[in-house]
Amino acid sequence: MVRISKIIDINSFQITGQFNDGQIKRLGVYPRIKNHLHLNGVSSLLDETIFKNAKLGDFGEIYWPQIVVSKDATIMDYDISPEFFYNNGVVV
């Protein structure tokens, strides 16, 4: 199972991470954020200060805590799966 083992850099809406197989990849996250603006709260990630607060989750995902607010007012994390990052990131 592919997992992100370390966040190396967060800059200009891009995240560089190292995977459990040793590969280092960079993912441009801006297009993903733009595609998810229909989710209440995701627009806050367009603030680079908030964007830089990305965390590494227990399952090797990148996430931002308590960003999305559902229709029933439940507050949830916004995440990027390690598989998405691995398959769409560029090797650096």
PDB file of N, CA and C in Angstrom:
ATOM      1  N   MET A   1       0.845  -1.179   0.000  1.00  0.00           N
ATOM      2  CA  MET A   1       0.000   0.000   0.000  1.00  0.00           C
ATOM      3  C   MET A   1       0.893   1.245   0.000  1.00  0.00           C
ATOM      4  N   VAL A   2       0.642   2.142  -0.931  1.00  0.00           N
ATOM      5  CA  VAL A   2       1.430   3.371  -1.038  1.00  0.00           C
ATOM      6  C   VAL A   2       0.998   4.350   0.056  1.00  0.00           C
ATOM      7  N   ARG A   3       2.006   4.988   0.661  1.00  0.00           N
ATOM      8  CA  ARG A   3       1.752   5.966   1.717  1.00  0.00           C
ATOM      9  C   ARG A   3       2.756   7.099   1.595  1.00  0.00           C
ATOM     10  N   ILE A   4       2.317   8.290   1.947  1.00  0.00           N
ATOM     11  CA  ILE A   4       3.254   9.402   2.059  1.00  0.00           C
ATOM     12  C   ILE A   4       3.876   9.276   3.444  1.00  0.00           C
ATOM     13  N   SER A   5       5.190   9.236   3.490  1.00  0.00           N
ATOM     14  CA  SER A   5       5.864   9.061   4.777  1.00  0.00           C
ATOM     15  C   SER A   5       6.390  10.373   5.347  1.00  0.00           C
ATOM     16  N   LYS A   6       6.499  11.401   4.474  1.00  0.00           N
ATOM     17  CA  LYS A   6       7.052  12.670   4.946  1.00  0.00           C
ATOM     18  C   LYS A   6       6.628  13.797   4.011  1.00  0.00           C
ATOM     19  N   ILE A   7       6.201  14.915   4.600  1.00  0.00           N
ATOM     20  CA  ILE A   7       5.988  16.139   3.827  1.00  0.00           C
ATOM     21  C   ILE A   7       7.328  16.862   3.798  1.00  0.00           C
ATOM     22  N   ILE A   8       7.853  17.093   2.611  1.00  0.00           N
ATOM     23  CA  ILE A   8       9.153  17.747   2.468  1.00  0.00           C
ATOM     24  C   ILE A   8       9.002  19.256   2.346  1.00  0.00           C
ATOM     25  N   ASP A   9       8.023  19.689   1.551  1.00  0.00           N
ATOM     26  CA  ASP A   9       7.860  21.130   1.334  1.00  0.00           C
ATOM     27  C   ASP A   9       6.415  21.431   0.958  1.00  0.00           C
ATOM     28  N   ILE A  10       5.960  22.599   1.389  1.00  0.00           N
ATOM     29  CA  ILE A  10       4.651  23.128   0.998  1.00  0.00           C
ATOM     30  C   ILE A  10       4.905  24.554   0.552  1.00  0.00           C
ATOM     31  N   ASN A  11       4.638  24.817  -0.751  1.00  0.00           N
ATOM     32  CA  ASN A  11       4.952  26.127  -1.288  1.00  0.00           C
ATOM     33  C   ASN A  11       4.134  26.386  -2.551  1.00  0.00           C
ATOM     34  N   SER A  12       3.568  27.564  -2.657  1.00  0.00           N
ATOM     35  CA  SER A  12       2.844  27.991  -3.866  1.00  0.00           C
ATOM     36  C   SER A  12       1.810  26.970  -4.325  1.00  0.00           C
ATOM     37  N   PHE A  13       1.013  26.481  -3.389  1.00  0.00           N
ATOM     38  CA  PHE A  13      -0.047  25.514  -3.668  1.00  0.00           C
ATOM     39  C   PHE A  13       0.482  24.216  -4.266  1.00  0.00           C
ATOM     40  N   GLN A  14       1.719  23.894  -3.920  1.00  0.00           N
ATOM     41  CA  GLN A  14       2.327  22.619  -4.294  1.00  0.00           C
ATOM     42  C   GLN A  14       2.847  21.949  -3.034  1.00  0.00           C
ATOM     43  N   ILE A  15       2.739  20.637  -3.021  1.00  0.00           N
ATOM     44  CA  ILE A  15       3.256  19.862  -1.896  1.00  0.00           C
ATOM     45  C   ILE A  15       4.255  18.859  -2.439  1.00  0.00           C
ATOM     46  N   THR A  16       5.400  18.780  -1.788  1.00  0.00           N
ATOM     47  CA  THR A  16       6.408  17.780  -2.117  1.00  0.00           C
ATOM     48  C   THR A  16       6.434  16.782  -0.973  1.00  0.00           C
ATOM     49  N   GLY A  17       6.303  15.516  -1.321  1.00  0.00           N
ATOM     50  CA  GLY A  17       6.283  14.474  -0.296  1.00  0.00           C
ATOM     51  C   GLY A  17       7.125  13.277  -0.679  1.00  0.00           C
ATOM     52  N   GLN A  18       7.590  12.588   0.346  1.00  0.00           N
ATOM     53  CA  GLN A  18       8.336  11.345   0.130  1.00  0.00           C
ATOM     54  C   GLN A  18       7.408  10.183   0.461  1.00  0.00           C
ATOM     55  N   PHE A  19       7.437   9.175  -0.390  1.00  0.00           N
ATOM     56  CA  PHE A  19       6.578   8.008  -0.232  1.00  0.00           C
ATOM     57  C   PHE A  19       7.329   6.859   0.425  1.00  0.00           C
ATOM     58  N   ASN A  20       6.581   5.888   0.893  1.00  0.00           N
ATOM     59  CA  ASN A  20       7.179   4.766   1.595  1.00  0.00           C
ATOM     60  C   ASN A  20       8.050   3.887   0.691  1.00  0.00           C
ATOM     61  N   ASP A  21       8.022   4.106  -0.612  1.00  0.00           N
ATOM     62  CA  ASP A  21       8.930   3.390  -1.509  1.00  0.00           C
ATOM     63  C   ASP A  21      10.178   4.221  -1.821  1.00  0.00           C
ATOM     64  N   GLY A  22      10.305   5.394  -1.176  1.00  0.00           N
ATOM     65  CA  GLY A  22      11.470   6.251  -1.351  1.00  0.00           C
ATOM     66  C   GLY A  22      11.315   7.332  -2.399  1.00  0.00           C
ATOM     67  N   GLN A  23      10.319   7.220  -3.270  1.00  0.00           N
ATOM     68  CA  GLN A  23      10.136   8.243  -4.306  1.00  0.00           C
ATOM     69  C   GLN A  23       9.718   9.572  -3.692  1.00  0.00           C
ATOM     70  N   ILE A  24      10.200  10.646  -4.295  1.00  0.00           N
ATOM     71  CA  ILE A  24       9.817  11.990  -3.901  1.00  0.00           C
ATOM     72  C   ILE A  24       9.043  12.592  -5.068  1.00  0.00           C
ATOM     73  N   LYS A  25       7.833  13.073  -4.767  1.00  0.00           N
ATOM     74  CA  LYS A  25       6.973  13.631  -5.814  1.00  0.00           C
ATOM     75  C   LYS A  25       6.415  14.971  -5.361  1.00  0.00           C
ATOM     76  N   ARG A  26       6.097  15.796  -6.355  1.00  0.00           N
ATOM     77  CA  ARG A  26       5.468  17.100  -6.115  1.00  0.00           C
ATOM     78  C   ARG A  26       4.099  17.095  -6.776  1.00  0.00           C
ATOM     79  N   LEU A  27       3.118  17.596  -6.045  1.00  0.00           N
ATOM     80  CA  LEU A  27       1.756  17.662  -6.559  1.00  0.00           C
ATOM     81  C   LEU A  27       1.268  19.102  -6.504  1.00  0.00           C
ATOM     82  N   GLY A  28       0.807  19.607  -7.641  1.00  0.00           N
ATOM     83  CA  GLY A  28       0.155  20.910  -7.690  1.00  0.00           C
ATOM     84  C   GLY A  28      -1.282  20.735  -7.231  1.00  0.00           C
ATOM     85  N   VAL A  29      -1.646  21.372  -6.142  1.00  0.00           N
ATOM     86  CA  VAL A  29      -2.952  21.155  -5.524  1.00  0.00           C
ATOM     87  C   VAL A  29      -3.988  22.194  -5.954  1.00  0.00           C
ATOM     88  N   TYR A  30      -3.561  23.291  -6.523  1.00  0.00           N
ATOM     89  CA  TYR A  30      -4.484  24.365  -6.894  1.00  0.00           C
ATOM     90  C   TYR A  30      -5.646  23.874  -7.766  1.00  0.00           C
ATOM     91  N   PRO A  31      -5.408  23.091  -8.829  1.00  0.00           N
ATOM     92  CA  PRO A  31      -6.546  22.627  -9.649  1.00  0.00           C
ATOM     93  C   PRO A  31      -7.540  21.782  -8.853  1.00  0.00           C
ATOM     94  N   ARG A  32      -7.047  21.000  -7.918  1.00  0.00           N
ATOM     95  CA  ARG A  32      -7.932  20.165  -7.089  1.00  0.00           C
ATOM     96  C   ARG A  32      -8.800  21.047  -6.196  1.00  0.00           C
ATOM     97  N   ILE A  33      -8.192  22.068  -5.604  1.00  0.00           N
ATOM     98  CA  ILE A  33      -8.958  22.999  -4.768  1.00  0.00           C
ATOM     99  C   ILE A  33     -10.051  23.662  -5.616  1.00  0.00           C
ATOM    100  N   LYS A  34      -9.679  24.151  -6.796  1.00  0.00           N
ATOM    101  CA  LYS A  34     -10.652  24.816  -7.675  1.00  0.00           C
ATOM    102  C   LYS A  34     -11.809  23.877  -8.033  1.00  0.00           C
ATOM    103  N   ASN A  35     -11.511  22.594  -8.228  1.00  0.00           N
ATOM    104  CA  ASN A  35     -12.563  21.623  -8.554  1.00  0.00           C
ATOM    105  C   ASN A  35     -13.479  21.321  -7.378  1.00  0.00           C
ATOM    106  N   HIS A  36     -13.042  21.634  -6.173  1.00  0.00           N
ATOM    107  CA  HIS A  36     -13.834  21.319  -4.981  1.00  0.00           C
ATOM    108  C   HIS A  36     -14.382  22.554  -4.274  1.00  0.00           C
ATOM    109  N   LEU A  37     -14.409  23.683  -4.964  1.00  0.00           N
ATOM    110  CA  LEU A  37     -14.934  24.898  -4.337  1.00  0.00           C
ATOM    111  C   LEU A  37     -16.416  24.801  -3.989  1.00  0.00           C
ATOM    112  N   HIS A  38     -17.116  23.822  -4.571  1.00  0.00           N
ATOM    113  CA  HIS A  38     -18.521  23.612  -4.219  1.00  0.00           C
ATOM    114  C   HIS A  38     -18.679  23.070  -2.796  1.00  0.00           C
ATOM    115  N   LEU A  39     -17.599  22.559  -2.217  1.00  0.00           N
ATOM    116  CA  LEU A  39     -17.634  22.079  -0.834  1.00  0.00           C
ATOM    117  C   LEU A  39     -17.429  23.268   0.101  1.00  0.00           C
ATOM    118  N   ASN A  40     -18.360  23.492   0.986  1.00  0.00           N
ATOM    119  CA  ASN A  40     -18.310  24.624   1.893  1.00  0.00           C
ATOM    120  C   ASN A  40     -17.037  24.570   2.755  1.00  0.00           C
ATOM    121  N   GLY A  41     -16.214  25.582   2.648  1.00  0.00           N
ATOM    122  CA  GLY A  41     -14.997  25.678   3.444  1.00  0.00           C
ATOM    123  C   GLY A  41     -13.725  25.466   2.660  1.00  0.00           C
ATOM    124  N   VAL A  42     -13.804  24.780   1.527  1.00  0.00           N
ATOM    125  CA  VAL A  42     -12.601  24.495   0.738  1.00  0.00           C
ATOM    126  C   VAL A  42     -11.958  25.782   0.235  1.00  0.00           C
ATOM    127  N   SER A  43     -12.748  26.816   0.005  1.00  0.00           N
ATOM    128  CA  SER A  43     -12.190  28.083  -0.484  1.00  0.00           C
ATOM    129  C   SER A  43     -11.165  28.669   0.493  1.00  0.00           C
ATOM    130  N   SER A  44     -11.238  28.290   1.760  1.00  0.00           N
ATOM    131  CA  SER A  44     -10.251  28.795   2.731  1.00  0.00           C
ATOM    132  C   SER A  44      -8.839  28.310   2.404  1.00  0.00           C
ATOM    133  N   LEU A  45      -8.727  27.216   1.655  1.00  0.00           N
ATOM    134  CA  LEU A  45      -7.410  26.706   1.262  1.00  0.00           C
ATOM    135  C   LEU A  45      -6.728  27.594   0.228  1.00  0.00           C
ATOM    136  N   LEU A  46      -7.464  28.534  -0.356  1.00  0.00           N
ATOM    137  CA  LEU A  46      -6.854  29.487  -1.285  1.00  0.00           C
ATOM    138  C   LEU A  46      -6.030  30.533  -0.540  1.00  0.00           C
ATOM    139  N   ASP A  47      -6.174  30.572   0.765  1.00  0.00           N
ATOM    140  CA  ASP A  47      -5.316  31.405   1.618  1.00  0.00           C
ATOM    141  C   ASP A  47      -4.053  30.583   1.877  1.00  0.00           C
ATOM    142  N   GLU A  48      -2.926  31.047   1.361  1.00  0.00           N
ATOM    143  CA  GLU A  48      -1.691  30.250   1.438  1.00  0.00           C
ATOM    144  C   GLU A  48      -1.272  29.971   2.880  1.00  0.00           C
ATOM    145  N   THR A  49      -1.607  30.849   3.805  1.00  0.00           N
ATOM    146  CA  THR A  49      -1.285  30.597   5.212  1.00  0.00           C
ATOM    147  C   THR A  49      -2.018  29.357   5.718  1.00  0.00           C
ATOM    148  N   ILE A  50      -3.282  29.236   5.348  1.00  0.00           N
ATOM    149  CA  ILE A  50      -4.056  28.050   5.736  1.00  0.00           C
ATOM    150  C   ILE A  50      -3.573  26.836   4.958  1.00  0.00           C
ATOM    151  N   PHE A  51      -3.295  27.010   3.669  1.00  0.00           N
ATOM    152  CA  PHE A  51      -2.827  25.902   2.839  1.00  0.00           C
ATOM    153  C   PHE A  51      -1.560  25.271   3.430  1.00  0.00           C
ATOM    154  N   LYS A  52      -0.676  26.102   3.938  1.00  0.00           N
ATOM    155  CA  LYS A  52       0.598  25.601   4.478  1.00  0.00           C
ATOM    156  C   LYS A  52       0.430  24.816   5.776  1.00  0.00           C
ATOM    157  N   ASN A  53      -0.779  24.766   6.313  1.00  0.00           N
ATOM    158  CA  ASN A  53      -1.041  23.995   7.531  1.00  0.00           C
ATOM    159  C   ASN A  53      -1.372  22.534   7.251  1.00  0.00           C
ATOM    160  N   ALA A  54      -1.057  22.054   6.059  1.00  0.00           N
ATOM    161  CA  ALA A  54      -1.314  20.657   5.712  1.00  0.00           C
ATOM    162  C   ALA A  54      -0.590  19.737   6.691  1.00  0.00           C
ATOM    163  N   LYS A  55      -1.232  18.631   6.996  1.00  0.00           N
ATOM    164  CA  LYS A  55      -0.700  17.633   7.927  1.00  0.00           C
ATOM    165  C   LYS A  55      -0.586  16.287   7.229  1.00  0.00           C
ATOM    166  N   LEU A  56       0.203  15.410   7.822  1.00  0.00           N
ATOM    167  CA  LEU A  56       0.332  14.042   7.342  1.00  0.00           C
ATOM    168  C   LEU A  56      -0.515  13.158   8.248  1.00  0.00           C
ATOM    169  N   GLY A  57      -1.454  12.440   7.634  1.00  0.00           N
ATOM    170  CA  GLY A  57      -2.380  11.613   8.400  1.00  0.00           C
ATOM    171  C   GLY A  57      -1.854  10.222   8.698  1.00  0.00           C
ATOM    172  N   ASP A  58      -2.598   9.512   9.525  1.00  0.00           N
ATOM    173  CA  ASP A  58      -2.226   8.165   9.961  1.00  0.00           C
ATOM    174  C   ASP A  58      -2.180   7.146   8.826  1.00  0.00           C
ATOM    175  N   PHE A  59      -2.891   7.431   7.740  1.00  0.00           N
ATOM    176  CA  PHE A  59      -2.939   6.498   6.618  1.00  0.00           C
ATOM    177  C   PHE A  59      -2.081   6.964   5.439  1.00  0.00           C
ATOM    178  N   GLY A  60      -1.188   7.922   5.693  1.00  0.00           N
ATOM    179  CA  GLY A  60      -0.299   8.418   4.659  1.00  0.00           C
ATOM    180  C   GLY A  60      -0.936   9.436   3.747  1.00  0.00           C
ATOM    181  N   GLU A  61      -2.034  10.029   4.161  1.00  0.00           N
ATOM    182  CA  GLU A  61      -2.715  11.047   3.369  1.00  0.00           C
ATOM    183  C   GLU A  61      -2.258  12.436   3.817  1.00  0.00           C
ATOM    184  N   ILE A  62      -2.465  13.407   2.932  1.00  0.00           N
ATOM    185  CA  ILE A  62      -2.268  14.810   3.276  1.00  0.00           C
ATOM    186  C   ILE A  62      -3.641  15.350   3.639  1.00  0.00           C
ATOM    187  N   TYR A  63      -3.726  16.085   4.746  1.00  0.00           N
ATOM    188  CA  TYR A  63      -5.036  16.630   5.103  1.00  0.00           C
ATOM    189  C   TYR A  63      -4.912  17.993   5.778  1.00  0.00           C
ATOM    190  N   TRP A  64      -6.027  18.703   5.719  1.00  0.00           N
ATOM    191  CA  TRP A  64      -6.181  19.984   6.405  1.00  0.00           C
ATOM    192  C   TRP A  64      -7.304  19.769   7.409  1.00  0.00           C
ATOM    193  N   PRO A  65      -7.017  19.951   8.690  1.00  0.00           N
ATOM    194  CA  PRO A  65      -8.037  19.657   9.705  1.00  0.00           C
ATOM    195  C   PRO A  65      -9.181  20.678   9.719  1.00  0.00           C
ATOM    196  N   GLN A  66     -10.369  20.125   9.845  1.00  0.00           N
ATOM    197  CA  GLN A  66     -11.594  20.895  10.063  1.00  0.00           C
ATOM    198  C   GLN A  66     -11.775  22.045   9.072  1.00  0.00           C
ATOM    199  N   ILE A  67     -11.759  21.701   7.784  1.00  0.00           N
ATOM    200  CA  ILE A  67     -11.901  22.686   6.704  1.00  0.00           C
ATOM    201  C   ILE A  67     -13.310  22.655   6.103  1.00  0.00           C
ATOM    202  N   VAL A  68     -13.860  21.476   5.881  1.00  0.00           N
ATOM    203  CA  VAL A  68     -15.134  21.326   5.174  1.00  0.00           C
ATOM    204  C   VAL A  68     -16.291  21.315   6.174  1.00  0.00           C
ATOM    205  N   VAL A  69     -17.329  22.086   5.862  1.00  0.00           N
ATOM    206  CA  VAL A  69     -18.538  22.107   6.685  1.00  0.00           C
ATOM    207  C   VAL A  69     -19.667  21.503   5.845  1.00  0.00           C
ATOM    208  N   SER A  70     -20.213  20.395   6.320  1.00  0.00           N
ATOM    209  CA  SER A  70     -21.278  19.721   5.566  1.00  0.00           C
ATOM    210  C   SER A  70     -22.608  20.448   5.733  1.00  0.00           C
ATOM    211  N   LYS A  71     -23.610  19.996   4.993  1.00  0.00           N
ATOM    212  CA  LYS A  71     -24.937  20.620   5.055  1.00  0.00           C
ATOM    213  C   LYS A  71     -25.569  20.522   6.438  1.00  0.00           C
ATOM    214  N   ASP A  72     -25.192  19.484   7.190  1.00  0.00           N
ATOM    215  CA  ASP A  72     -25.740  19.352   8.545  1.00  0.00           C
ATOM    216  C   ASP A  72     -24.802  19.961   9.599  1.00  0.00           C
ATOM    217  N   ALA A  73     -23.868  20.796   9.134  1.00  0.00           N
ATOM    218  CA  ALA A  73     -22.932  21.547   9.998  1.00  0.00           C
ATOM    219  C   ALA A  73     -21.854  20.679  10.639  1.00  0.00           C
ATOM    220  N   THR A  74     -21.671  19.472  10.121  1.00  0.00           N
ATOM    221  CA  THR A  74     -20.563  18.645  10.583  1.00  0.00           C
ATOM    222  C   THR A  74     -19.280  19.191   9.982  1.00  0.00           C
ATOM    223  N   ILE A  75     -18.255  19.341  10.800  1.00  0.00           N
ATOM    224  CA  ILE A  75     -16.963  19.860  10.319  1.00  0.00           C
ATOM    225  C   ILE A  75     -16.035  18.680  10.068  1.00  0.00           C
ATOM    226  N   MET A  76     -15.459  18.646   8.864  1.00  0.00           N
ATOM    227  CA  MET A  76     -14.632  17.517   8.459  1.00  0.00           C
ATOM    228  C   MET A  76     -13.289  18.002   7.928  1.00  0.00           C
ATOM    229  N   ASP A  77     -12.344  17.072   7.912  1.00  0.00           N
ATOM    230  CA  ASP A  77     -11.047  17.344   7.299  1.00  0.00           C
ATOM    231  C   ASP A  77     -11.193  17.289   5.782  1.00  0.00           C
ATOM    232  N   TYR A  78     -10.289  17.973   5.094  1.00  0.00           N
ATOM    233  CA  TYR A  78     -10.171  17.881   3.635  1.00  0.00           C
ATOM    234  C   TYR A  78      -8.868  17.147   3.370  1.00  0.00           C
ATOM    235  N   ASP A  79      -8.907  16.098   2.561  1.00  0.00           N
ATOM    236  CA  ASP A  79      -7.688  15.317   2.375  1.00  0.00           C
ATOM    237  C   ASP A  79      -7.411  14.974   0.927  1.00  0.00           C
ATOM    238  N   ILE A  80      -6.163  14.600   0.709  1.00  0.00           N
ATOM    239  CA  ILE A  80      -5.698  14.088  -0.578  1.00  0.00           C
ATOM    240  C   ILE A  80      -5.125  12.714  -0.298  1.00  0.00           C
ATOM    241  N   SER A  81      -5.671  11.723  -0.950  1.00  0.00           N
ATOM    242  CA  SER A  81      -5.223  10.358  -0.692  1.00  0.00           C
ATOM    243  C   SER A  81      -3.798  10.158  -1.197  1.00  0.00           C
ATOM    244  N   PRO A  82      -3.069   9.247  -0.561  1.00  0.00           N
ATOM    245  CA  PRO A  82      -1.710   8.972  -1.031  1.00  0.00           C
ATOM    246  C   PRO A  82      -1.694   8.400  -2.451  1.00  0.00           C
ATOM    247  N   GLU A  83      -2.739   7.664  -2.807  1.00  0.00           N
ATOM    248  CA  GLU A  83      -2.807   7.098  -4.160  1.00  0.00           C
ATOM    249  C   GLU A  83      -2.959   8.197  -5.207  1.00  0.00           C
ATOM    250  N   PHE A  84      -3.829   9.185  -4.919  1.00  0.00           N
ATOM    251  CA  PHE A  84      -4.002  10.302  -5.847  1.00  0.00           C
ATOM    252  C   PHE A  84      -2.687  11.052  -6.004  1.00  0.00           C
ATOM    253  N   PHE A  85      -2.044  11.348  -4.892  1.00  0.00           N
ATOM    254  CA  PHE A  85      -0.769  12.088  -4.920  1.00  0.00           C
ATOM    255  C   PHE A  85       0.263  11.288  -5.712  1.00  0.00           C
ATOM    256  N   TYR A  86       0.374  10.000  -5.450  1.00  0.00           N
ATOM    257  CA  TYR A  86       1.367   9.150  -6.114  1.00  0.00           C
ATOM    258  C   TYR A  86       1.131   9.098  -7.625  1.00  0.00           C
ATOM    259  N   ASN A  87      -0.128   8.912  -8.013  1.00  0.00           N
ATOM    260  CA  ASN A  87      -0.454   8.762  -9.440  1.00  0.00           C
ATOM    261  C   ASN A  87      -0.437  10.062 -10.222  1.00  0.00           C
ATOM    262  N   ASN A  88      -0.604  11.205  -9.543  1.00  0.00           N
ATOM    263  CA  ASN A  88      -0.681  12.490 -10.224  1.00  0.00           C
ATOM    264  C   ASN A  88       0.499  13.399  -9.945  1.00  0.00           C
ATOM    265  N   GLY A  89       1.312  13.042  -8.976  1.00  0.00           N
ATOM    266  CA  GLY A  89       2.495  13.846  -8.669  1.00  0.00           C
ATOM    267  C   GLY A  89       3.605  13.630  -9.679  1.00  0.00           C
ATOM    268  N   VAL A  90       4.519  14.595  -9.712  1.00  0.00           N
ATOM    269  CA  VAL A  90       5.656  14.547 -10.619  1.00  0.00           C
ATOM    270  C   VAL A  90       6.902  14.201  -9.803  1.00  0.00           C
ATOM    271  N   VAL A  91       7.667  13.248 -10.285  1.00  0.00           N
ATOM    272  CA  VAL A  91       8.910  12.862  -9.606  1.00  0.00           C
ATOM    273  C   VAL A  91       9.886  14.026  -9.611  1.00  0.00           C
ATOM    274  N   VAL A  92      10.479  14.321  -8.454  1.00  0.00           N
ATOM    275  CA  VAL A  92      11.475  15.383  -8.359  1.00  0.00           C
ATOM    276  C   VAL A  92      12.820  14.819  -7.935  1.00  0.00           C
TER     277      VAL A  92
END
